[in-house]
Amino acid sequence: MVVLFLLCGSALETAAAVATTALPPLYALGLAAWLEIPITALGAALFPVLAVVGITSSVHLLHAYGEAVRGGAPASRAARLAARAVAPPVILSLLTTAASFASRQATGVPAFRSGGHVVALGMVLAIPVVLVGLPACLAWMRPRPRARRGRLDAPLARVTHAVLRRPALTAVLATALCAAGAWAATRAPLEVRVLQAFRPGSELAETYRWLEERLTAAVPVYSEVDGALFGV
């Protein structure tokens, strides 16, 4: 909310954008409860993605609304112009993100499947919220966006000029950076201590603690072959 307020300079715009951002996750959570889809710790971690995508779409719509108002359009017409301008990229972004999360149905991990299913539906629900709800709020509240101060315009212009002068060098450096990131990712430390993933005192945590204290390296492993629980 602070970042939005600093960007927009308007409490009304900030309130409208925050409401738009909060609605899709709430819809998705309510839908999960209605369909009795379990929300695990792993699946719940996916819900902030809804807020990220929602706030990104809202910022683009608010920017288009501000440009239309500064161009002399009344609030109601500016809201319509903004929604029309950002509708294609917003719809494409939300649908492709929904498809990516829906593809989690192919995995055998139940937490990924349930979380991906709900988040995908939340992305689809975000389309009318952003493109209809936010313009309606703007037309009703009639906020007056502040004039841009342009503090970042000069540095961004210099960066853009440097990139356009040396596009081949920029492409090489970007490729090298991606390769370095991929190489470093293979050497990232992995957290494999099981007890850290559970609440202290839980039955599962106590079971693992008992195994660590008495059986040293023995952990329960589920056998996909015969459905039996055995130690390794």
C-alpha atoms as a PDB file:
ATOM      1  CA  MET A   1       0.000   0.000   0.000  1.00  0.00           C
ATOM      2  CA  VAL A   2       2.858   2.384   0.783  1.00  0.00           C
ATOM      3  CA  VAL A   3       4.508   1.707  -2.575  1.00  0.00           C
ATOM      4  CA  LEU A   4       1.203   2.212  -4.394  1.00  0.00           C
ATOM      5  CA  PHE A   5       0.550   5.463  -2.567  1.00  0.00           C
ATOM      6  CA  LEU A   6       4.016   6.759  -3.427  1.00  0.00           C
ATOM      7  CA  LEU A   7       3.453   5.760  -7.046  1.00  0.00           C
ATOM      8  CA  CYS A   8      -0.071   7.116  -7.426  1.00  0.00           C
ATOM      9  CA  GLY A   9       0.002  10.008  -4.976  1.00  0.00           C
ATOM     10  CA  SER A  10      -3.710   9.448  -4.319  1.00  0.00           C
ATOM     11  CA  ALA A  11      -5.340   7.700  -1.368  1.00  0.00           C
ATOM     12  CA  LEU A  12      -8.434   6.929  -3.475  1.00  0.00           C
ATOM     13  CA  GLU A  13      -6.415   5.276  -6.243  1.00  0.00           C
ATOM     14  CA  THR A  14      -4.449   3.300  -3.669  1.00  0.00           C
ATOM     15  CA  ALA A  15      -7.649   2.081  -1.986  1.00  0.00           C
ATOM     16  CA  ALA A  16      -9.144   1.011  -5.314  1.00  0.00           C
ATOM     17  CA  ALA A  17      -5.990  -0.857  -6.347  1.00  0.00           C
ATOM     18  CA  VAL A  18      -5.642  -2.601  -2.970  1.00  0.00           C
ATOM     19  CA  ALA A  19      -9.268  -3.752  -3.124  1.00  0.00           C
ATOM     20  CA  THR A  20      -8.713  -5.067  -6.629  1.00  0.00           C
ATOM     21  CA  THR A  21      -5.601  -6.918  -5.497  1.00  0.00           C
ATOM     22  CA  ALA A  22      -7.306  -8.466  -2.459  1.00  0.00           C
ATOM     23  CA  LEU A  23     -10.430  -9.744  -4.222  1.00  0.00           C
ATOM     24  CA  PRO A  24      -8.973 -12.503  -6.481  1.00  0.00           C
ATOM     25  CA  PRO A  25      -7.127 -14.289  -3.594  1.00  0.00           C
ATOM     26  CA  LEU A  26     -10.276 -14.065  -1.462  1.00  0.00           C
ATOM     27  CA  TYR A  27     -12.382 -15.443  -4.307  1.00  0.00           C
ATOM     28  CA  ALA A  28      -9.895 -18.258  -4.840  1.00  0.00           C
ATOM     29  CA  LEU A  29      -9.805 -19.166  -1.146  1.00  0.00           C
ATOM     30  CA  GLY A  30     -13.603 -19.136  -0.964  1.00  0.00           C
ATOM     31  CA  LEU A  31     -13.797 -21.274  -4.077  1.00  0.00           C
ATOM     32  CA  ALA A  32     -11.348 -23.759  -2.571  1.00  0.00           C
ATOM     33  CA  ALA A  33     -13.486 -23.989   0.567  1.00  0.00           C
ATOM     34  CA  TRP A  34     -16.670 -24.403  -1.467  1.00  0.00           C
ATOM     35  CA  LEU A  35     -15.143 -27.185  -3.575  1.00  0.00           C
ATOM     36  CA  GLU A  36     -13.516 -28.717  -0.451  1.00  0.00           C
ATOM     37  CA  ILE A  37     -10.040 -28.500  -1.964  1.00  0.00           C
ATOM     38  CA  PRO A  38      -7.444 -28.897   0.811  1.00  0.00           C
ATOM     39  CA  ILE A  39      -5.113 -25.944   1.339  1.00  0.00           C
ATOM     40  CA  THR A  40      -1.729 -27.233   2.437  1.00  0.00           C
ATOM     41  CA  ALA A  41       1.295 -25.204   3.500  1.00  0.00           C
ATOM     42  CA  LEU A  42       2.828 -25.779   0.073  1.00  0.00           C
ATOM     43  CA  GLY A  43      -0.339 -24.819  -1.776  1.00  0.00           C
ATOM     44  CA  ALA A  44      -0.953 -21.743   0.372  1.00  0.00           C
ATOM     45  CA  ALA A  45       2.471 -20.408  -0.598  1.00  0.00           C
ATOM     46  CA  LEU A  46       1.142 -19.974  -4.142  1.00  0.00           C
ATOM     47  CA  PHE A  47      -1.582 -17.480  -3.214  1.00  0.00           C
ATOM     48  CA  PRO A  48       0.735 -14.442  -2.979  1.00  0.00           C
ATOM     49  CA  VAL A  49       1.213 -14.919  -6.730  1.00  0.00           C
ATOM     50  CA  LEU A  50      -2.403 -13.827  -7.160  1.00  0.00           C
ATOM     51  CA  ALA A  51      -1.679 -10.603  -5.312  1.00  0.00           C
ATOM     52  CA  VAL A  52       1.481  -9.987  -7.351  1.00  0.00           C
ATOM     53  CA  VAL A  53      -0.301 -10.419 -10.683  1.00  0.00           C
ATOM     54  CA  GLY A  54      -3.311  -8.424  -9.495  1.00  0.00           C
ATOM     55  CA  ILE A  55      -1.251  -5.478  -8.293  1.00  0.00           C
ATOM     56  CA  THR A  56       0.799  -5.470 -11.499  1.00  0.00           C
ATOM     57  CA  SER A  57      -2.314  -5.295 -13.650  1.00  0.00           C
ATOM     58  CA  SER A  58      -3.782  -2.624 -11.374  1.00  0.00           C
ATOM     59  CA  VAL A  59      -0.672  -0.448 -11.624  1.00  0.00           C
ATOM     60  CA  HIS A  60      -0.812  -0.578 -15.433  1.00  0.00           C
ATOM     61  CA  LEU A  61      -4.493   0.380 -15.415  1.00  0.00           C
ATOM     62  CA  LEU A  62      -3.891   3.202 -12.928  1.00  0.00           C
ATOM     63  CA  HIS A  63      -1.086   4.544 -15.116  1.00  0.00           C
ATOM     64  CA  ALA A  64      -3.330   4.492 -18.190  1.00  0.00           C
ATOM     65  CA  TYR A  65      -6.092   6.200 -16.199  1.00  0.00           C
ATOM     66  CA  GLY A  66      -3.718   8.934 -15.033  1.00  0.00           C
ATOM     67  CA  GLU A  67      -2.494   9.577 -18.564  1.00  0.00           C
ATOM     68  CA  ALA A  68      -6.083   9.882 -19.818  1.00  0.00           C
ATOM     69  CA  VAL A  69      -7.065  12.288 -17.021  1.00  0.00           C
ATOM     70  CA  ARG A  70      -3.994  14.423 -17.581  1.00  0.00           C
ATOM     71  CA  GLY A  71      -4.958  14.482 -21.257  1.00  0.00           C
ATOM     72  CA  GLY A  72      -8.233  16.190 -20.358  1.00  0.00           C
ATOM     73  CA  ALA A  73     -10.664  13.239 -20.285  1.00  0.00           C
ATOM     74  CA  PRO A  74     -13.343  13.200 -17.540  1.00  0.00           C
ATOM     75  CA  ALA A  75     -13.062  10.473 -14.893  1.00  0.00           C
ATOM     76  CA  SER A  76     -15.704   8.137 -16.354  1.00  0.00           C
ATOM     77  CA  ARG A  77     -14.294   8.340 -19.890  1.00  0.00           C
ATOM     78  CA  ALA A  78     -10.722   8.048 -18.600  1.00  0.00           C
ATOM     79  CA  ALA A  79     -11.646   4.834 -16.780  1.00  0.00           C
ATOM     80  CA  ARG A  80     -13.125   3.366 -19.971  1.00  0.00           C
ATOM     81  CA  LEU A  81     -10.097   4.410 -22.030  1.00  0.00           C
ATOM     82  CA  ALA A  82      -7.727   2.887 -19.474  1.00  0.00           C
ATOM     83  CA  ALA A  83      -9.603  -0.417 -19.375  1.00  0.00           C
ATOM     84  CA  ARG A  84      -9.672  -0.563 -23.178  1.00  0.00           C
ATOM     85  CA  ALA A  85      -5.955   0.204 -23.436  1.00  0.00           C
ATOM     86  CA  VAL A  86      -4.733  -2.429 -20.958  1.00  0.00           C
ATOM     87  CA  ALA A  87      -7.345  -5.129 -21.628  1.00  0.00           C
ATOM     88  CA  PRO A  88      -5.345  -7.130 -24.241  1.00  0.00           C
ATOM     89  CA  PRO A  89      -2.088  -7.427 -22.224  1.00  0.00           C
ATOM     90  CA  VAL A  90      -3.928  -7.990 -18.926  1.00  0.00           C
ATOM     91  CA  ILE A  91      -6.107 -10.747 -20.351  1.00  0.00           C
ATOM     92  CA  LEU A  92      -3.143 -12.396 -22.076  1.00  0.00           C
ATOM     93  CA  SER A  93      -0.989 -12.178 -18.940  1.00  0.00           C
ATOM     94  CA  LEU A  94      -3.642 -13.579 -16.615  1.00  0.00           C
ATOM     95  CA  LEU A  95      -4.703 -16.385 -18.971  1.00  0.00           C
ATOM     96  CA  THR A  96      -1.147 -17.543 -19.644  1.00  0.00           C
ATOM     97  CA  THR A  97      -0.367 -17.444 -15.914  1.00  0.00           C
ATOM     98  CA  ALA A  98      -3.543 -19.407 -15.219  1.00  0.00           C
ATOM     99  CA  ALA A  99      -2.492 -21.979 -17.819  1.00  0.00           C
ATOM    100  CA  SER A 100       0.932 -22.342 -16.225  1.00  0.00           C
ATOM    101  CA  PHE A 101      -0.587 -23.048 -12.812  1.00  0.00           C
ATOM    102  CA  ALA A 102      -3.216 -25.347 -14.305  1.00  0.00           C
ATOM    103  CA  SER A 103      -0.362 -27.426 -15.740  1.00  0.00           C
ATOM    104  CA  ARG A 104       0.476 -28.431 -12.154  1.00  0.00           C
ATOM    105  CA  GLN A 105      -2.317 -30.978 -12.520  1.00  0.00           C
ATOM    106  CA  ALA A 106       0.231 -33.140 -14.339  1.00  0.00           C
ATOM    107  CA  THR A 107       2.315 -33.619 -11.202  1.00  0.00           C
ATOM    108  CA  GLY A 108       1.735 -36.350  -8.676  1.00  0.00           C
ATOM    109  CA  VAL A 109       2.186 -34.076  -5.646  1.00  0.00           C
ATOM    110  CA  PRO A 110      -1.298 -33.383  -4.189  1.00  0.00           C
ATOM    111  CA  ALA A 111      -0.272 -30.037  -2.665  1.00  0.00           C
ATOM    112  CA  PHE A 112       0.913 -28.737  -6.039  1.00  0.00           C
ATOM    113  CA  ARG A 113      -2.194 -30.011  -7.791  1.00  0.00           C
ATOM    114  CA  SER A 114      -4.709 -28.475  -5.388  1.00  0.00           C
ATOM    115  CA  GLY A 115      -2.839 -25.174  -5.072  1.00  0.00           C
ATOM    116  CA  GLY A 116      -2.289 -24.859  -8.820  1.00  0.00           C
ATOM    117  CA  HIS A 117      -5.945 -25.573  -9.529  1.00  0.00           C
ATOM    118  CA  VAL A 118      -7.216 -22.883  -7.174  1.00  0.00           C
ATOM    119  CA  VAL A 119      -4.635 -20.266  -8.197  1.00  0.00           C
ATOM    120  CA  ALA A 120      -5.455 -20.844 -11.879  1.00  0.00           C
ATOM    121  CA  LEU A 121      -9.137 -20.219 -11.180  1.00  0.00           C
ATOM    122  CA  GLY A 122      -8.204 -17.137  -9.175  1.00  0.00           C
ATOM    123  CA  MET A 123      -6.255 -15.769 -12.150  1.00  0.00           C
ATOM    124  CA  VAL A 124      -9.316 -16.159 -14.367  1.00  0.00           C
ATOM    125  CA  LEU A 125     -11.481 -14.442 -11.741  1.00  0.00           C
ATOM    126  CA  ALA A 126      -8.999 -11.559 -11.616  1.00  0.00           C
ATOM    127  CA  ILE A 127      -9.778 -10.593 -15.233  1.00  0.00           C
ATOM    128  CA  PRO A 128     -13.247  -9.096 -14.604  1.00  0.00           C
ATOM    129  CA  VAL A 129     -12.141  -7.685 -11.241  1.00  0.00           C
ATOM    130  CA  VAL A 130      -9.267  -5.717 -12.781  1.00  0.00           C
ATOM    131  CA  LEU A 131     -10.924  -4.735 -16.054  1.00  0.00           C
ATOM    132  CA  VAL A 132     -14.417  -4.018 -14.691  1.00  0.00           C
ATOM    133  CA  GLY A 133     -14.176  -3.492 -10.933  1.00  0.00           C
ATOM    134  CA  LEU A 134     -11.195  -1.126 -10.877  1.00  0.00           C
ATOM    135  CA  PRO A 135     -12.470   1.155 -13.704  1.00  0.00           C
ATOM    136  CA  ALA A 136     -15.867   1.298 -11.954  1.00  0.00           C
ATOM    137  CA  CYS A 137     -14.159   2.345  -8.700  1.00  0.00           C
ATOM    138  CA  LEU A 138     -12.124   4.993 -10.523  1.00  0.00           C
ATOM    139  CA  ALA A 139     -15.197   6.371 -12.304  1.00  0.00           C
ATOM    140  CA  TRP A 140     -17.060   6.523  -8.983  1.00  0.00           C
ATOM    141  CA  MET A 141     -14.228   7.948  -6.841  1.00  0.00           C
ATOM    142  CA  ARG A 142     -13.021  10.360  -9.549  1.00  0.00           C
ATOM    143  CA  PRO A 143      -9.441  10.650  -8.216  1.00  0.00           C
ATOM    144  CA  ARG A 144      -7.177  13.301  -9.701  1.00  0.00           C
ATOM    145  CA  PRO A 145      -3.729  11.789 -10.378  1.00  0.00           C
ATOM    146  CA  ARG A 146      -0.733  13.918  -9.519  1.00  0.00           C
ATOM    147  CA  ALA A 147       1.624  15.107 -12.201  1.00  0.00           C
ATOM    148  CA  ARG A 148       4.645  12.891 -12.737  1.00  0.00           C
ATOM    149  CA  ARG A 149       7.832  14.237 -11.202  1.00  0.00           C
ATOM    150  CA  GLY A 150      10.067  12.465 -13.692  1.00  0.00           C
ATOM    151  CA  ARG A 151      12.916  11.741 -11.292  1.00  0.00           C
ATOM    152  CA  LEU A 152      13.726   8.446 -12.988  1.00  0.00           C
ATOM    153  CA  ASP A 153      13.226   9.621 -16.556  1.00  0.00           C
ATOM    154  CA  ALA A 154      16.790  10.884 -17.095  1.00  0.00           C
ATOM    155  CA  PRO A 155      18.597   7.790 -15.684  1.00  0.00           C
ATOM    156  CA  LEU A 156      16.298   5.445 -17.596  1.00  0.00           C
ATOM    157  CA  ALA A 157      16.855   7.437 -20.783  1.00  0.00           C
ATOM    158  CA  ARG A 158      20.628   7.083 -20.376  1.00  0.00           C
ATOM    159  CA  VAL A 159      20.365   3.328 -19.818  1.00  0.00           C
ATOM    160  CA  THR A 160      18.109   2.944 -22.846  1.00  0.00           C
ATOM    161  CA  HIS A 161      20.501   4.986 -24.983  1.00  0.00           C
ATOM    162  CA  ALA A 162      23.456   2.811 -23.914  1.00  0.00           C
ATOM    163  CA  VAL A 163      21.554  -0.394 -24.685  1.00  0.00           C
ATOM    164  CA  LEU A 164      20.457   0.818 -28.114  1.00  0.00           C
ATOM    165  CA  ARG A 165      24.008   1.861 -28.995  1.00  0.00           C
ATOM    166  CA  ARG A 166      25.426  -1.608 -28.133  1.00  0.00           C
ATOM    167  CA  PRO A 167      22.635  -4.185 -28.583  1.00  0.00           C
ATOM    168  CA  ALA A 168      25.024  -7.058 -29.389  1.00  0.00           C
ATOM    169  CA  LEU A 169      27.081  -6.435 -26.250  1.00  0.00           C
ATOM    170  CA  THR A 170      23.900  -6.217 -24.178  1.00  0.00           C
ATOM    171  CA  ALA A 171      22.697  -9.561 -25.551  1.00  0.00           C
ATOM    172  CA  VAL A 172      26.046 -11.213 -24.797  1.00  0.00           C
ATOM    173  CA  LEU A 173      26.115  -9.854 -21.250  1.00  0.00           C
ATOM    174  CA  ALA A 174      22.514 -10.935 -20.635  1.00  0.00           C
ATOM    175  CA  THR A 175      23.288 -14.441 -21.906  1.00  0.00           C
ATOM    176  CA  ALA A 176      26.378 -14.641 -19.718  1.00  0.00           C
ATOM    177  CA  LEU A 177      24.368 -13.511 -16.706  1.00  0.00           C
ATOM    178  CA  CYS A 178      21.723 -16.185 -17.339  1.00  0.00           C
ATOM    179  CA  ALA A 179      24.398 -18.851 -17.720  1.00  0.00           C
ATOM    180  CA  ALA A 180      26.089 -17.728 -14.494  1.00  0.00           C
ATOM    181  CA  GLY A 181      22.756 -17.824 -12.665  1.00  0.00           C
ATOM    182  CA  ALA A 182      22.002 -21.321 -13.952  1.00  0.00           C
ATOM    183  CA  TRP A 183      25.462 -22.509 -12.901  1.00  0.00           C
ATOM    184  CA  ALA A 184      25.114 -20.978  -9.435  1.00  0.00           C
ATOM    185  CA  ALA A 185      21.646 -22.488  -8.968  1.00  0.00           C
ATOM    186  CA  THR A 186      23.082 -25.999  -9.209  1.00  0.00           C
ATOM    187  CA  ARG A 187      25.324 -25.202  -6.245  1.00  0.00           C
ATOM    188  CA  ALA A 188      22.718 -23.596  -4.008  1.00  0.00           C
ATOM    189  CA  PRO A 189      22.453 -25.212  -0.562  1.00  0.00           C
ATOM    190  CA  LEU A 190      19.331 -27.295  -0.021  1.00  0.00           C
ATOM    191  CA  GLU A 191      17.507 -27.504   3.300  1.00  0.00           C
ATOM    192  CA  VAL A 192      16.962 -31.209   3.983  1.00  0.00           C
ATOM    193  CA  ARG A 193      16.294 -31.172   7.735  1.00  0.00           C
ATOM    194  CA  VAL A 194      12.779 -32.541   7.926  1.00  0.00           C
ATOM    195  CA  LEU A 195      11.966 -31.284  11.429  1.00  0.00           C
ATOM    196  CA  GLN A 196      12.259 -27.673  10.306  1.00  0.00           C
ATOM    197  CA  ALA A 197       9.198 -28.102   8.088  1.00  0.00           C
ATOM    198  CA  PHE A 198       6.768 -28.943  10.922  1.00  0.00           C
ATOM    199  CA  ARG A 199       5.411 -27.147  13.933  1.00  0.00           C
ATOM    200  CA  PRO A 200       7.292 -28.038  17.124  1.00  0.00           C
ATOM    201  CA  GLY A 201       5.395 -30.593  19.156  1.00  0.00           C
ATOM    202  CA  SER A 202       3.385 -31.966  16.228  1.00  0.00           C
ATOM    203  CA  GLU A 203       2.963 -35.727  16.032  1.00  0.00           C
ATOM    204  CA  LEU A 204       4.903 -35.985  12.782  1.00  0.00           C
ATOM    205  CA  ALA A 205       7.783 -33.922  14.169  1.00  0.00           C
ATOM    206  CA  GLU A 206       7.910 -36.088  17.287  1.00  0.00           C
ATOM    207  CA  THR A 207       7.980 -39.227  15.122  1.00  0.00           C
ATOM    208  CA  TYR A 208      10.951 -37.968  13.123  1.00  0.00           C
ATOM    209  CA  ARG A 209      12.712 -36.857  16.302  1.00  0.00           C
ATOM    210  CA  TRP A 210      12.229 -40.341  17.797  1.00  0.00           C
ATOM    211  CA  LEU A 211      13.719 -41.879  14.643  1.00  0.00           C
ATOM    212  CA  GLU A 212      16.701 -39.520  14.657  1.00  0.00           C
ATOM    213  CA  GLU A 213      17.475 -40.197  18.315  1.00  0.00           C
ATOM    214  CA  ARG A 214      17.057 -43.976  18.300  1.00  0.00           C
ATOM    215  CA  LEU A 215      17.613 -45.169  14.745  1.00  0.00           C
ATOM    216  CA  THR A 216      20.203 -42.597  13.601  1.00  0.00           C
ATOM    217  CA  ALA A 217      19.727 -42.519   9.804  1.00  0.00           C
ATOM    218  CA  ALA A 218      16.382 -44.325   9.565  1.00  0.00           C
ATOM    219  CA  VAL A 219      13.458 -42.392   8.091  1.00  0.00           C
ATOM    220  CA  PRO A 220      10.022 -43.687   7.052  1.00  0.00           C
ATOM    221  CA  VAL A 221       9.633 -44.080   3.308  1.00  0.00           C
ATOM    222  CA  TYR A 222       6.402 -44.930   1.550  1.00  0.00           C
ATOM    223  CA  SER A 223       6.718 -47.779  -0.924  1.00  0.00           C
ATOM    224  CA  GLU A 224       4.825 -47.250  -4.173  1.00  0.00           C
ATOM    225  CA  VAL A 225       5.187 -50.949  -4.943  1.00  0.00           C
ATOM    226  CA  ASP A 226       3.261 -52.616  -2.155  1.00  0.00           C
ATOM    227  CA  GLY A 227       1.885 -49.633  -0.223  1.00  0.00           C
ATOM    228  CA  ALA A 228       3.882 -50.529   2.880  1.00  0.00           C
ATOM    229  CA  LEU A 229       5.727 -48.209   5.235  1.00  0.00           C
ATOM    230  CA  PHE A 230       9.276 -49.303   5.836  1.00  0.00           C
ATOM    231  CA  GLY A 231      12.558 -47.879   7.096  1.00  0.00           C
ATOM    232  CA  VAL A 232      15.581 -46.986   5.030  1.00  0.00           C
END
